Amino acid sequence: MLLFRSEEHLDRWSAERGIARGATMTVEQQWQLAQRWYSNRLDPEWARRTPEQAQEVFDSCGLTEPFWKLS
C-alpha cells in the first residue's frame, strides 16, 4: 500500500514510473475498512466471511470500483 498526498501526486508518481494507476481509497475508507474487517477478529465465535459478507463490508466503506467486486 502506498500513500499519496493527492490525486495529482498519484498521477505524477504513476506517470514517472510508467505504471498504470490502480485502485485507490481514502484514509477514511482505510480506517472504516480496518474497523469493520477486524472488529470481531478476537471473538471466540469468529468465522471467516463469505464472499457476500466481504462484499457488504467493501460496499459499506464506499469501495465500489471494479477492483473491489468479488463476483
Protein backbone atom coordinates (compact mmCIF):
# COMPACT_ATOMS: atom_id res chain seq x y z
CA MET A 1 0.00 0.00 0.00
CA LEU A 2 1.27 3.43 -0.90
CA LEU A 3 0.01 6.72 0.49
CA PHE A 4 -0.25 9.83 -1.68
CA ARG A 5 -0.97 13.45 -0.80
CA SER A 6 -3.44 13.96 -3.64
CA GLU A 7 -4.81 12.58 -6.89
CA GLU A 8 -2.26 14.72 -8.72
CA HIS A 9 0.58 13.21 -6.70
CA LEU A 10 -0.65 9.72 -7.55
CA ASP A 11 -0.95 10.58 -11.25
CA ARG A 12 2.55 12.06 -11.32
CA TRP A 13 4.05 9.09 -9.45
CA SER A 14 2.39 6.62 -11.82
CA ALA A 15 3.43 8.53 -14.95
CA GLU A 16 7.06 8.85 -13.81
CA ARG A 17 7.28 5.08 -13.37
CA GLY A 18 5.16 4.03 -16.34
CA ILE A 19 2.79 2.20 -14.02
CA ALA A 20 -0.94 2.12 -14.63
CA ARG A 21 -2.93 3.68 -11.85
CA GLY A 22 -4.66 1.05 -9.72
CA ALA A 23 -7.49 1.02 -7.22
CA THR A 24 -7.48 3.77 -4.62
CA MET A 25 -9.12 4.55 -1.31
CA THR A 26 -9.06 7.45 1.07
CA VAL A 27 -7.51 7.29 4.52
CA GLU A 28 -11.04 7.46 5.91
CA GLN A 29 -12.03 4.44 3.82
CA GLN A 30 -8.93 2.57 5.02
CA TRP A 31 -9.89 3.26 8.62
CA GLN A 32 -13.53 2.21 8.04
CA LEU A 33 -12.39 -0.98 6.33
CA ALA A 34 -9.96 -1.85 9.12
CA GLN A 35 -12.60 -1.24 11.79
CA ARG A 36 -15.25 -3.29 10.03
CA TRP A 37 -12.92 -6.06 8.88
CA TYR A 38 -11.15 -6.68 12.18
CA SER A 39 -13.77 -5.61 14.76
CA ASN A 40 -14.73 -9.18 15.70
CA ARG A 41 -11.48 -10.96 14.90
CA LEU A 42 -10.76 -11.91 18.53
CA ASP A 43 -14.28 -13.19 19.28
CA PRO A 44 -14.32 -16.92 20.08
CA GLU A 45 -17.18 -17.34 17.60
CA TRP A 46 -15.30 -15.57 14.80
CA ALA A 47 -15.78 -17.15 11.39
CA ARG A 48 -14.33 -16.24 8.03
CA ARG A 49 -16.62 -14.01 6.00
CA THR A 50 -18.39 -15.37 2.97
CA PRO A 51 -17.70 -13.55 -0.30
CA GLU A 52 -21.15 -11.95 0.04
CA GLN A 53 -20.36 -10.68 3.55
CA ALA A 54 -16.98 -9.37 2.41
CA GLN A 55 -18.68 -7.55 -0.45
CA GLU A 56 -21.07 -5.93 2.02
CA VAL A 57 -18.10 -4.65 4.03
CA PHE A 58 -16.42 -3.23 0.92
CA ASP A 59 -19.66 -1.61 -0.25
CA SER A 60 -20.33 -0.11 3.19
CA CYS A 61 -16.92 1.61 3.03
CA GLY A 62 -17.70 3.08 -0.40
CA LEU A 63 -15.25 0.74 -2.14
CA THR A 64 -17.24 0.27 -5.33
CA GLU A 65 -14.59 0.30 -8.06
CA PRO A 66 -14.34 -2.88 -10.15
CA PHE A 67 -11.23 -3.89 -8.16
CA TRP A 68 -13.42 -4.41 -5.08
CA LYS A 69 -16.07 -6.54 -6.79
CA LEU A 70 -15.85 -10.17 -5.72
CA SER A 71 -18.38 -11.60 -8.16
